Amino acid sequence: MTARPALAAAPERVERRASAETRALLLMAARRRFAASHYADVTLRDIAADAQVSPALVVKYFGTKEQLLHEAADFGEELAALLAVPDDELAEHLVAHLLDVHEASPSHPLMFLLFMGKRPGAPHTVRQALHEQFLAPLADRLGGDADAALRAELVCSQLVGLSALRRVLGTAALRDATTEELVDLCAPLLRSLLRTPQEAASEAE
């Protein structure tokens, strides 16, 4: 029997796939630029050149630089997934995920939001993104009070500090340690900060 020829993908489906790939490419280029330079110094032309597309495509997909930055700082789904583990696994998961993802890419959500948020001229919405997408949900999970907010920020500071020393500064001991070693050493520190209201009540008894 003669094999049937493969059906060609519908033109609109191919166009949607190409559009999604182009958007993802531009977002990656934008995140690298925004994390490395002052917001005022970044141009859409720079981002287009990094992505090897025309500046008109950046405008087509994102409009203005501010709109592009707003989308580049949106890690809602990734950070929600990061927290979507049981309480007794969260400490180990946070450390391992940060190390695994950041080893593969310099634009881990927490690191991007930290470095972009501190750049002179960065819009306030970017600095708020870290709070809205990670700190506030984590604090709510830990009880939602002032103590929980502080503990959530301390957890973030531990993760960011670990990643900055290992990946950005490349300090010798952290650089040479394995992920398993770092999880074993860091998870207990995070676990003490990640105690739930129920665990805190049990400790107080």
Protein backbone atom coordinates (compact mmCIF):
# COMPACT_ATOMS: atom_id res chain seq x y z
CA MET A 1 0.00 0.00 0.00
CA THR A 2 1.34 3.41 -0.93
CA ALA A 3 1.96 5.60 2.13
CA ARG A 4 -0.06 8.76 2.29
CA PRO A 5 1.96 11.96 2.08
CA ALA A 6 2.24 13.83 5.38
CA LEU A 7 -0.21 16.67 5.68
CA ALA A 8 1.40 20.08 5.74
CA ALA A 9 0.81 22.12 8.85
CA ALA A 10 -1.88 24.75 8.47
CA PRO A 11 -0.35 28.15 7.62
CA GLU A 12 -1.97 29.81 10.60
CA ARG A 13 -0.59 27.14 12.94
CA VAL A 14 2.91 27.61 11.58
CA GLU A 15 2.54 31.39 11.97
CA ARG A 16 1.39 31.04 15.59
CA ARG A 17 4.34 28.79 16.38
CA ALA A 18 6.76 31.21 14.72
CA SER A 19 5.20 34.11 16.62
CA ALA A 20 5.56 32.30 19.96
CA GLU A 21 9.18 31.47 19.21
CA THR A 22 9.92 35.06 18.22
CA ARG A 23 8.30 36.42 21.37
CA ALA A 24 10.28 34.01 23.53
CA LEU A 25 13.51 34.97 21.76
CA LEU A 26 12.82 38.67 22.26
CA LEU A 27 11.93 38.19 25.93
CA MET A 28 15.20 36.34 26.52
CA ALA A 29 17.17 39.09 24.79
CA ALA A 30 15.29 41.76 26.74
CA ARG A 31 15.91 40.08 30.08
CA ARG A 32 19.62 39.89 29.39
CA ARG A 33 19.79 43.54 28.38
CA PHE A 34 17.65 44.83 31.24
CA ALA A 35 19.61 42.81 33.80
CA ALA A 36 22.97 44.03 32.49
CA SER A 37 22.29 47.72 31.77
CA HIS A 38 20.48 50.74 33.17
CA TYR A 39 16.87 50.82 32.02
CA ALA A 40 17.35 54.23 30.40
CA ASP A 41 20.29 52.94 28.36
CA VAL A 42 18.46 49.99 26.83
CA THR A 43 16.82 50.56 23.45
CA LEU A 44 14.44 48.43 21.44
CA ARG A 45 17.03 48.52 18.67
CA ASP A 46 19.59 46.93 21.06
CA ILE A 47 17.19 44.15 21.95
CA ALA A 48 16.30 43.56 18.31
CA ALA A 49 19.98 43.33 17.40
CA ASP A 50 20.63 40.83 20.20
CA ALA A 51 17.73 38.70 18.95
CA GLN A 52 18.81 39.20 15.32
CA VAL A 53 15.44 40.55 14.22
CA SER A 54 14.27 43.92 12.99
CA PRO A 55 13.27 46.63 15.53
CA ALA A 56 9.84 46.66 13.89
CA LEU A 57 9.21 43.15 15.20
CA VAL A 58 9.86 44.26 18.78
CA VAL A 59 7.28 47.02 18.37
CA LYS A 60 4.87 44.58 16.73
CA TYR A 61 4.98 42.11 19.62
CA PHE A 62 5.45 44.40 22.61
CA GLY A 63 4.73 47.99 21.64
CA THR A 64 6.89 50.15 23.89
CA LYS A 65 10.00 49.50 25.96
CA GLU A 66 7.95 49.83 29.15
CA GLN A 67 5.48 47.21 27.94
CA LEU A 68 8.35 44.91 27.01
CA LEU A 69 9.90 45.34 30.44
CA HIS A 70 6.54 44.60 32.09
CA GLU A 71 6.34 41.27 30.22
CA ALA A 72 10.01 40.50 30.80
CA ALA A 73 9.43 40.86 34.55
CA ASP A 74 6.39 38.57 34.55
CA PHE A 75 7.51 35.25 36.02
CA GLY A 76 4.17 34.51 37.67
CA GLU A 77 3.76 30.98 36.32
CA GLU A 78 7.38 29.99 36.94
CA LEU A 79 7.44 31.30 40.50
CA ALA A 80 4.04 29.79 41.31
CA ALA A 81 5.36 26.42 40.13
CA LEU A 82 8.48 26.95 42.22
CA LEU A 83 6.33 27.13 45.37
CA ALA A 84 3.99 24.30 44.36
CA VAL A 85 5.54 21.59 46.53
CA PRO A 86 4.64 20.20 49.98
CA ASP A 87 5.86 22.13 53.02
CA ASP A 88 8.30 19.42 54.07
CA GLU A 89 9.99 19.52 50.63
CA LEU A 90 10.04 23.27 50.06
CA ALA A 91 13.47 24.10 51.51
CA GLU A 92 15.32 21.46 49.51
CA HIS A 93 13.29 22.24 46.41
CA LEU A 94 14.04 25.98 46.49
CA VAL A 95 17.79 25.45 46.77
CA ALA A 96 17.98 22.69 44.16
CA HIS A 97 15.76 24.54 41.69
CA LEU A 98 17.75 27.75 41.96
CA LEU A 99 21.03 25.93 41.39
CA ASP A 100 19.77 23.72 38.57
CA VAL A 101 18.00 26.49 36.66
CA HIS A 102 20.63 29.15 37.23
CA GLU A 103 23.39 26.79 36.08
CA ALA A 104 21.55 26.49 32.77
CA SER A 105 20.57 30.14 32.37
CA PRO A 106 21.73 33.49 33.80
CA SER A 107 18.16 34.78 33.87
CA HIS A 108 16.66 32.88 36.80
CA PRO A 109 13.51 34.79 37.81
CA LEU A 110 14.73 35.73 41.29
CA MET A 111 18.10 36.91 40.03
CA PHE A 112 16.59 38.88 37.16
CA LEU A 113 14.10 40.65 39.39
CA LEU A 114 16.81 41.46 41.92
CA PHE A 115 19.32 42.88 39.45
CA MET A 116 16.73 44.64 37.30
CA GLY A 117 14.96 46.07 40.32
CA LYS A 118 18.09 47.76 41.64
CA ARG A 119 19.03 49.43 38.35
CA PRO A 120 18.75 53.23 38.40
CA GLY A 121 15.66 54.26 36.50
CA ALA A 122 13.96 50.88 36.71
CA PRO A 123 10.19 51.36 36.91
CA HIS A 124 8.61 50.74 40.28
CA THR A 125 6.50 47.98 38.74
CA VAL A 126 9.61 45.85 38.30
CA ARG A 127 10.66 46.22 41.91
CA GLN A 128 7.12 45.28 42.87
CA ALA A 129 7.25 42.15 40.72
CA LEU A 130 9.50 40.33 43.18
CA HIS A 131 7.09 41.13 46.00
CA GLU A 132 3.92 40.25 44.11
CA GLN A 133 5.16 37.09 42.40
CA PHE A 134 7.32 35.50 45.10
CA LEU A 135 7.57 37.27 48.45
CA ALA A 136 3.87 37.87 49.07
CA PRO A 137 2.72 34.34 48.07
CA LEU A 138 5.46 32.82 50.21
CA ALA A 139 4.60 35.06 53.17
CA ASP A 140 0.91 34.11 52.84
CA ARG A 141 1.89 30.48 52.93
CA LEU A 142 3.93 31.10 56.08
CA GLY A 143 1.10 32.78 57.93
CA GLY A 144 0.64 36.17 56.32
CA ASP A 145 1.75 38.31 59.28
CA ALA A 146 4.73 40.67 59.66
CA ASP A 147 6.94 37.85 60.89
CA ALA A 148 6.03 35.76 57.86
CA ALA A 149 6.87 38.64 55.50
CA LEU A 150 10.27 39.03 57.15
CA ARG A 151 10.96 35.31 56.95
CA ALA A 152 9.96 35.24 53.27
CA GLU A 153 12.43 38.04 52.53
CA LEU A 154 15.15 36.25 54.48
CA VAL A 155 14.53 33.09 52.46
CA CYS A 156 14.87 35.10 49.28
CA SER A 157 18.06 36.74 50.53
CA GLN A 158 19.59 33.32 51.23
CA LEU A 159 18.73 32.04 47.76
CA VAL A 160 19.91 35.16 45.96
CA GLY A 161 23.11 35.34 47.99
CA LEU A 162 23.91 31.72 47.26
CA SER A 163 23.35 32.19 43.55
CA ALA A 164 25.27 35.49 43.40
CA LEU A 165 28.35 34.07 45.09
CA ARG A 166 28.34 30.84 43.10
CA ARG A 167 27.38 32.12 39.66
CA VAL A 168 28.15 35.85 39.58
CA LEU A 169 31.28 36.10 41.74
CA GLY A 170 32.38 32.49 41.36
CA THR A 171 33.80 32.12 44.86
CA ALA A 172 35.96 29.00 45.03
CA ALA A 173 34.22 26.83 47.62
CA LEU A 174 30.71 27.47 46.32
CA ARG A 175 31.83 27.10 42.73
CA ASP A 176 33.36 23.70 43.40
CA ALA A 177 30.56 22.32 45.60
CA THR A 178 27.99 19.97 44.07
CA THR A 179 24.29 20.72 44.06
CA GLU A 180 23.73 17.84 46.49
CA GLU A 181 26.26 19.24 48.96
CA LEU A 182 24.73 22.70 48.83
CA VAL A 183 21.19 21.37 49.26
CA ASP A 184 22.27 19.37 52.32
CA LEU A 185 23.97 22.40 53.89
CA CYS A 186 21.51 25.14 52.94
CA ALA A 187 18.16 23.41 53.31
CA PRO A 188 18.26 23.30 57.15
CA LEU A 189 18.85 27.06 57.23
CA LEU A 190 15.86 27.67 54.99
CA ARG A 191 13.73 25.14 56.84
CA SER A 192 14.09 27.14 60.05
CA LEU A 193 12.72 30.19 58.22
CA LEU A 194 9.97 28.30 56.40
CA ARG A 195 8.21 26.95 59.46
CA THR A 196 4.44 27.04 59.03
CA PRO A 197 2.11 28.49 61.71
CA GLN A 198 1.38 24.93 62.84
CA GLU A 199 5.07 24.14 63.19
CA ALA A 200 5.70 27.39 65.03
CA ALA A 201 2.89 26.56 67.48
CA SER A 202 4.35 23.11 68.06
CA GLU A 203 7.78 24.62 68.78
CA ALA A 204 6.26 26.99 71.30
CA GLU A 205 4.63 24.17 73.30
